[in-house]
């Protein structure tokens, strides 16, 4: 007797993106996969030290939930850069070392992998242009979100129509940093960044990554922005977290995947 197919992994959606016709998106966490141990269970990161066959099965489940074959679920080799590229088909070689993907091709699923960094999904449904970006503090400060918007516009999008959704990432309560971290933002981005930091114990500060990303998107001209209220570090049952793994002295961590596609 054949075993029943696995249930689709749990996912979240963003209200504004969900209202768009011709666009499918999802924010997946750690539930619904086959990985074991520190990677339990839906680890989607090929760059992790998890068993390759487990990661492949997890990604196949995500691809199925998005309605495509596994090879059409695209993830970049993310390097905390401000690089965004346009893609039109599955990879034909090594994954590109960039942090944002843009396409006008229906049936391709663009993804951002993250485990505390902010995954940001974009769409201009009227123009048929979508994007997925990985925005850690380095990439956000360097301008990855603006680079993504610029690449979308080059592909035919109108920035005033672009909808952006900031997915599950580390929240301010969990993101404790030192004064030198805040100073780096002040040096690079001006004194106005002080509003994204609040006082913690002693000289510690708490950084609002999703709030900072939303401000950078608004600065780039994006008018419609959702930010999901989901702290990856605090919600252990639902999300992988780099910081949580570091605090526990764990050798590695799983990756959450956020995905978006144009539906033909």
Protein backbone atom coordinates (compact mmCIF):
# COMPACT_ATOMS: atom_id res chain seq x y z
CA UNK A 1 0.00 0.00 0.00
CA UNK A 2 1.47 3.38 -0.99
CA UNK A 3 2.05 5.96 1.73
CA UNK A 4 0.00 9.15 1.40
CA UNK A 5 1.90 12.20 0.07
CA UNK A 6 3.27 14.55 2.74
CA UNK A 7 1.10 17.46 3.73
CA UNK A 8 2.10 20.87 2.40
CA UNK A 9 4.39 22.70 4.86
CA UNK A 10 2.79 25.47 6.94
CA UNK A 11 3.24 28.97 5.52
CA UNK A 12 2.42 32.63 6.08
CA UNK A 13 1.28 35.19 3.54
CA UNK A 14 1.32 38.99 3.50
CA UNK A 15 -2.01 40.81 3.05
CA UNK A 16 -1.04 43.16 0.22
CA UNK A 17 0.76 40.51 -1.81
CA UNK A 18 -2.09 38.07 -1.25
CA UNK A 19 -4.51 40.48 -2.93
CA UNK A 20 -2.53 40.58 -6.18
CA UNK A 21 -3.77 38.51 -9.11
CA UNK A 22 -1.22 36.45 -10.99
CA UNK A 23 1.20 36.31 -8.06
CA UNK A 24 1.75 33.48 -5.58
CA UNK A 25 3.93 33.87 -2.49
CA UNK A 26 4.68 32.18 0.82
CA UNK A 27 6.89 32.53 3.87
CA UNK A 28 7.92 29.06 5.07
CA UNK A 29 9.39 28.35 8.51
CA UNK A 30 10.93 25.24 10.03
CA UNK A 31 7.83 23.00 10.14
CA UNK A 32 6.82 20.35 7.64
CA UNK A 33 10.13 18.82 6.54
CA UNK A 34 12.33 15.77 7.07
CA UNK A 35 15.58 17.13 8.51
CA UNK A 36 16.72 16.01 11.95
CA UNK A 37 18.50 17.44 14.98
CA UNK A 38 19.36 21.15 14.88
CA UNK A 39 17.96 21.23 11.33
CA UNK A 40 14.52 19.86 12.23
CA UNK A 41 12.59 19.96 10.07
CA UNK A 42 12.09 22.09 6.89
CA UNK A 43 15.68 23.28 6.45
CA UNK A 44 15.81 24.72 2.91
CA UNK A 45 19.43 25.84 2.92
CA UNK A 46 21.79 24.05 0.50
CA UNK A 47 24.64 25.97 2.13
CA UNK A 48 24.00 24.37 5.52
CA UNK A 49 25.79 21.23 6.72
CA UNK A 50 22.53 19.28 6.80
CA UNK A 51 22.23 16.04 4.82
CA UNK A 52 21.92 17.00 1.14
CA UNK A 53 19.10 14.52 0.53
CA UNK A 54 17.08 16.00 3.39
CA UNK A 55 17.51 19.54 2.07
CA UNK A 56 16.51 18.35 -1.41
CA UNK A 57 13.33 16.74 -0.06
CA UNK A 58 12.48 19.84 1.95
CA UNK A 59 12.94 22.05 -1.10
CA UNK A 60 10.85 19.64 -3.20
CA UNK A 61 8.02 20.01 -0.69
CA UNK A 62 8.28 23.80 -0.87
CA UNK A 63 8.35 23.69 -4.67
CA UNK A 64 5.25 21.49 -4.69
CA UNK A 65 3.46 23.92 -2.38
CA UNK A 66 4.33 26.68 -4.86
CA UNK A 67 3.12 24.57 -7.79
CA UNK A 68 6.43 24.02 -9.61
CA UNK A 69 9.07 21.34 -10.16
CA UNK A 70 12.03 21.46 -7.73
CA UNK A 71 14.48 22.80 -10.32
CA UNK A 72 12.27 25.88 -10.77
CA UNK A 73 12.70 26.89 -7.14
CA UNK A 74 15.68 29.27 -7.33
CA UNK A 75 17.92 30.27 -4.44
CA UNK A 76 21.06 32.38 -4.83
CA UNK A 77 24.36 31.86 -3.02
CA UNK A 78 23.75 34.80 -0.68
CA UNK A 79 26.78 36.86 0.35
CA UNK A 80 25.31 39.85 2.28
CA UNK A 81 25.79 42.11 -0.74
CA UNK A 82 23.77 44.79 -2.51
CA UNK A 83 23.72 42.77 -5.75
CA UNK A 84 20.45 42.11 -7.59
CA UNK A 85 20.18 40.24 -10.90
CA UNK A 86 17.46 39.32 -13.37
CA UNK A 87 16.85 35.62 -14.09
CA UNK A 88 14.79 33.86 -16.76
CA UNK A 89 15.19 30.15 -16.07
CA UNK A 90 16.61 27.47 -13.77
CA UNK A 91 20.31 27.63 -12.94
CA UNK A 92 22.60 26.16 -15.59
CA UNK A 93 25.68 26.22 -13.37
CA UNK A 94 26.69 27.33 -9.86
CA UNK A 95 24.25 29.51 -7.99
CA UNK A 96 25.06 33.21 -8.53
CA UNK A 97 26.60 35.03 -5.56
CA UNK A 98 24.01 37.76 -5.14
CA UNK A 99 21.32 38.71 -2.64
CA UNK A 100 18.32 39.52 -4.79
CA UNK A 101 16.62 37.89 -7.77
CA UNK A 102 14.21 39.54 -10.22
CA UNK A 103 12.16 37.91 -12.97
CA UNK A 104 9.40 38.48 -15.50
CA UNK A 105 9.12 34.74 -16.28
CA UNK A 106 5.98 32.94 -15.07
CA UNK A 107 6.49 29.61 -13.34
CA UNK A 108 9.84 30.46 -11.76
CA UNK A 109 9.88 30.62 -7.96
CA UNK A 110 12.32 33.19 -6.62
CA UNK A 111 13.37 32.70 -3.02
CA UNK A 112 15.27 34.32 -0.19
CA UNK A 113 16.89 32.13 2.47
CA UNK A 114 17.19 33.57 5.96
CA UNK A 115 17.64 32.68 9.60
CA UNK A 116 17.20 36.11 11.26
CA UNK A 117 17.98 38.31 8.24
CA UNK A 118 14.95 39.87 6.58
CA UNK A 119 13.49 38.15 3.51
CA UNK A 120 11.69 40.67 1.34
CA UNK A 121 9.31 39.72 -1.47
CA UNK A 122 8.26 42.21 -4.18
CA UNK A 123 5.70 42.35 -6.96
CA UNK A 124 4.35 44.70 -9.59
CA UNK A 125 1.51 42.50 -10.76
CA UNK A 126 0.45 44.83 -13.59
CA UNK A 127 3.91 44.74 -15.15
CA UNK A 128 4.50 41.08 -14.34
CA UNK A 129 7.71 41.71 -12.40
CA UNK A 130 8.59 40.02 -9.09
CA UNK A 131 11.64 39.83 -6.84
CA UNK A 132 13.00 38.20 -3.70
CA UNK A 133 15.74 39.80 -1.60
CA UNK A 134 17.83 38.75 1.39
CA UNK A 135 18.42 41.76 3.65
CA UNK A 136 20.64 41.26 6.65
CA UNK A 137 21.97 44.37 8.31
CA UNK A 138 24.98 44.47 5.98
CA UNK A 139 22.93 44.15 2.82
CA UNK A 140 20.24 46.56 4.00
CA UNK A 141 22.84 49.16 4.91
CA UNK A 142 24.66 48.64 1.60
CA UNK A 143 21.45 49.13 -0.40
CA UNK A 144 20.23 45.69 -1.48
CA UNK A 145 16.60 46.75 -1.29
CA UNK A 146 17.15 49.81 -3.45
CA UNK A 147 19.15 47.68 -5.90
CA UNK A 148 16.24 45.25 -6.11
CA UNK A 149 13.75 48.01 -6.84
CA UNK A 150 16.07 49.47 -9.49
CA UNK A 151 16.38 46.08 -11.21
CA UNK A 152 12.60 45.68 -11.12
CA UNK A 153 12.15 49.10 -12.73
CA UNK A 154 14.70 48.16 -15.40
CA UNK A 155 12.54 45.08 -16.09
CA UNK A 156 9.42 47.20 -16.59
CA UNK A 157 8.01 47.74 -13.11
CA UNK A 158 6.58 51.04 -11.88
CA UNK A 159 7.87 51.73 -8.38
CA UNK A 160 4.57 53.32 -7.37
CA UNK A 161 2.83 49.96 -8.03
CA UNK A 162 5.41 47.77 -6.32
CA UNK A 163 4.17 45.87 -3.28
CA UNK A 164 6.81 44.69 -0.79
CA UNK A 165 6.48 42.30 2.13
CA UNK A 166 9.10 41.92 4.86
CA UNK A 167 8.91 38.38 6.15
CA UNK A 168 9.83 36.71 9.44
CA UNK A 169 13.16 37.98 10.77
CA UNK A 170 14.81 38.80 14.05
CA UNK A 171 12.76 41.31 16.04
CA UNK A 172 14.02 44.28 18.07
CA UNK A 173 13.54 42.51 21.40
CA UNK A 174 15.94 39.76 20.29
CA UNK A 175 18.41 41.88 18.34
CA UNK A 176 20.83 43.15 20.98
CA UNK A 177 23.89 45.00 19.65
CA UNK A 178 26.73 47.15 20.91
CA UNK A 179 27.18 50.92 20.52
CA UNK A 180 29.73 50.40 17.73
CA UNK A 181 27.00 48.72 15.66
CA UNK A 182 24.74 51.75 15.96
CA UNK A 183 27.64 54.06 15.17
CA UNK A 184 28.26 52.21 11.92
CA UNK A 185 24.71 53.00 10.84
CA UNK A 186 25.07 56.64 11.88
CA UNK A 187 28.33 56.93 9.93
CA UNK A 188 26.90 55.35 6.78
CA UNK A 189 23.26 56.37 6.86
CA UNK A 190 23.02 59.49 8.98
CA UNK A 191 21.77 60.41 12.45
CA UNK A 192 18.16 59.65 11.53
CA UNK A 193 18.91 55.93 11.99
CA UNK A 194 18.84 56.50 15.75
CA UNK A 195 15.08 55.89 15.62
CA UNK A 196 15.74 52.22 14.81
CA UNK A 197 17.66 51.68 18.06
CA UNK A 198 16.44 51.61 21.64
CA UNK A 199 18.21 51.24 24.94
CA UNK A 200 18.96 47.85 26.47
CA UNK A 201 20.98 46.81 29.52
CA UNK A 202 24.12 48.84 30.13
CA UNK A 203 25.50 50.03 26.82
CA UNK A 204 23.51 47.48 24.84
CA UNK A 205 21.09 48.62 22.16
CA UNK A 206 18.21 46.87 20.38
CA UNK A 207 18.02 47.20 16.59
CA UNK A 208 14.77 47.21 14.61
CA UNK A 209 15.77 45.41 11.40
CA UNK A 210 12.27 45.18 9.85
CA UNK A 211 11.63 48.83 10.64
CA UNK A 212 14.92 49.83 9.05
CA UNK A 213 14.16 47.76 5.95
CA UNK A 214 10.72 49.37 5.66
CA UNK A 215 12.31 52.82 5.84
CA UNK A 216 14.82 51.94 3.12
CA UNK A 217 12.00 50.65 0.92
CA UNK A 218 10.02 53.85 1.44
CA UNK A 219 13.11 55.88 0.58
CA UNK A 220 13.33 53.92 -2.69
CA UNK A 221 9.78 54.97 -3.54
CA UNK A 222 7.88 51.83 -2.52
CA UNK A 223 4.47 52.92 -1.24
CA UNK A 224 2.88 49.60 -0.27
CA UNK A 225 4.77 47.70 2.43
CA UNK A 226 3.76 44.88 4.76
CA UNK A 227 5.97 43.72 7.64
CA UNK A 228 4.97 40.42 9.22
CA UNK A 229 5.13 40.36 13.01
CA UNK A 230 7.25 37.22 13.46
CA UNK A 231 10.52 37.20 15.44
CA UNK A 232 12.60 34.27 14.18
CA UNK A 233 14.88 34.25 17.22
CA UNK A 234 12.04 34.18 19.74
CA UNK A 235 9.69 31.76 17.94
CA UNK A 236 11.78 28.57 18.17
CA UNK A 237 8.96 26.20 17.29
CA UNK A 238 8.34 27.96 13.99
CA UNK A 239 11.62 29.40 12.68
CA UNK A 240 15.32 28.77 12.39
CA UNK A 241 17.57 31.42 13.94
CA UNK A 242 21.28 32.06 13.55
CA UNK A 243 21.46 34.13 16.72
CA UNK A 244 19.67 31.50 18.79
CA UNK A 245 22.05 28.85 17.49
CA UNK A 246 25.05 31.06 18.29
CA UNK A 247 23.86 31.75 21.83
CA UNK A 248 23.52 28.01 22.39
CA UNK A 249 26.90 27.20 20.90
CA UNK A 250 25.39 25.10 18.11
CA UNK A 251 27.64 24.42 15.13
CA UNK A 252 25.14 25.37 12.42
CA UNK A 253 21.50 26.28 11.83
CA UNK A 254 18.71 25.69 9.35
CA UNK A 255 17.40 28.24 6.88
CA UNK A 256 13.84 29.49 6.42
CA UNK A 257 12.70 30.08 2.84
CA UNK A 258 10.47 32.82 1.46
CA UNK A 259 9.15 32.44 -2.10
CA UNK A 260 7.31 34.30 -4.81
CA UNK A 261 6.21 33.38 -8.35
CA UNK A 262 4.26 34.72 -11.29
CA UNK A 263 1.38 32.41 -12.11
CA UNK A 264 0.86 31.88 -15.83
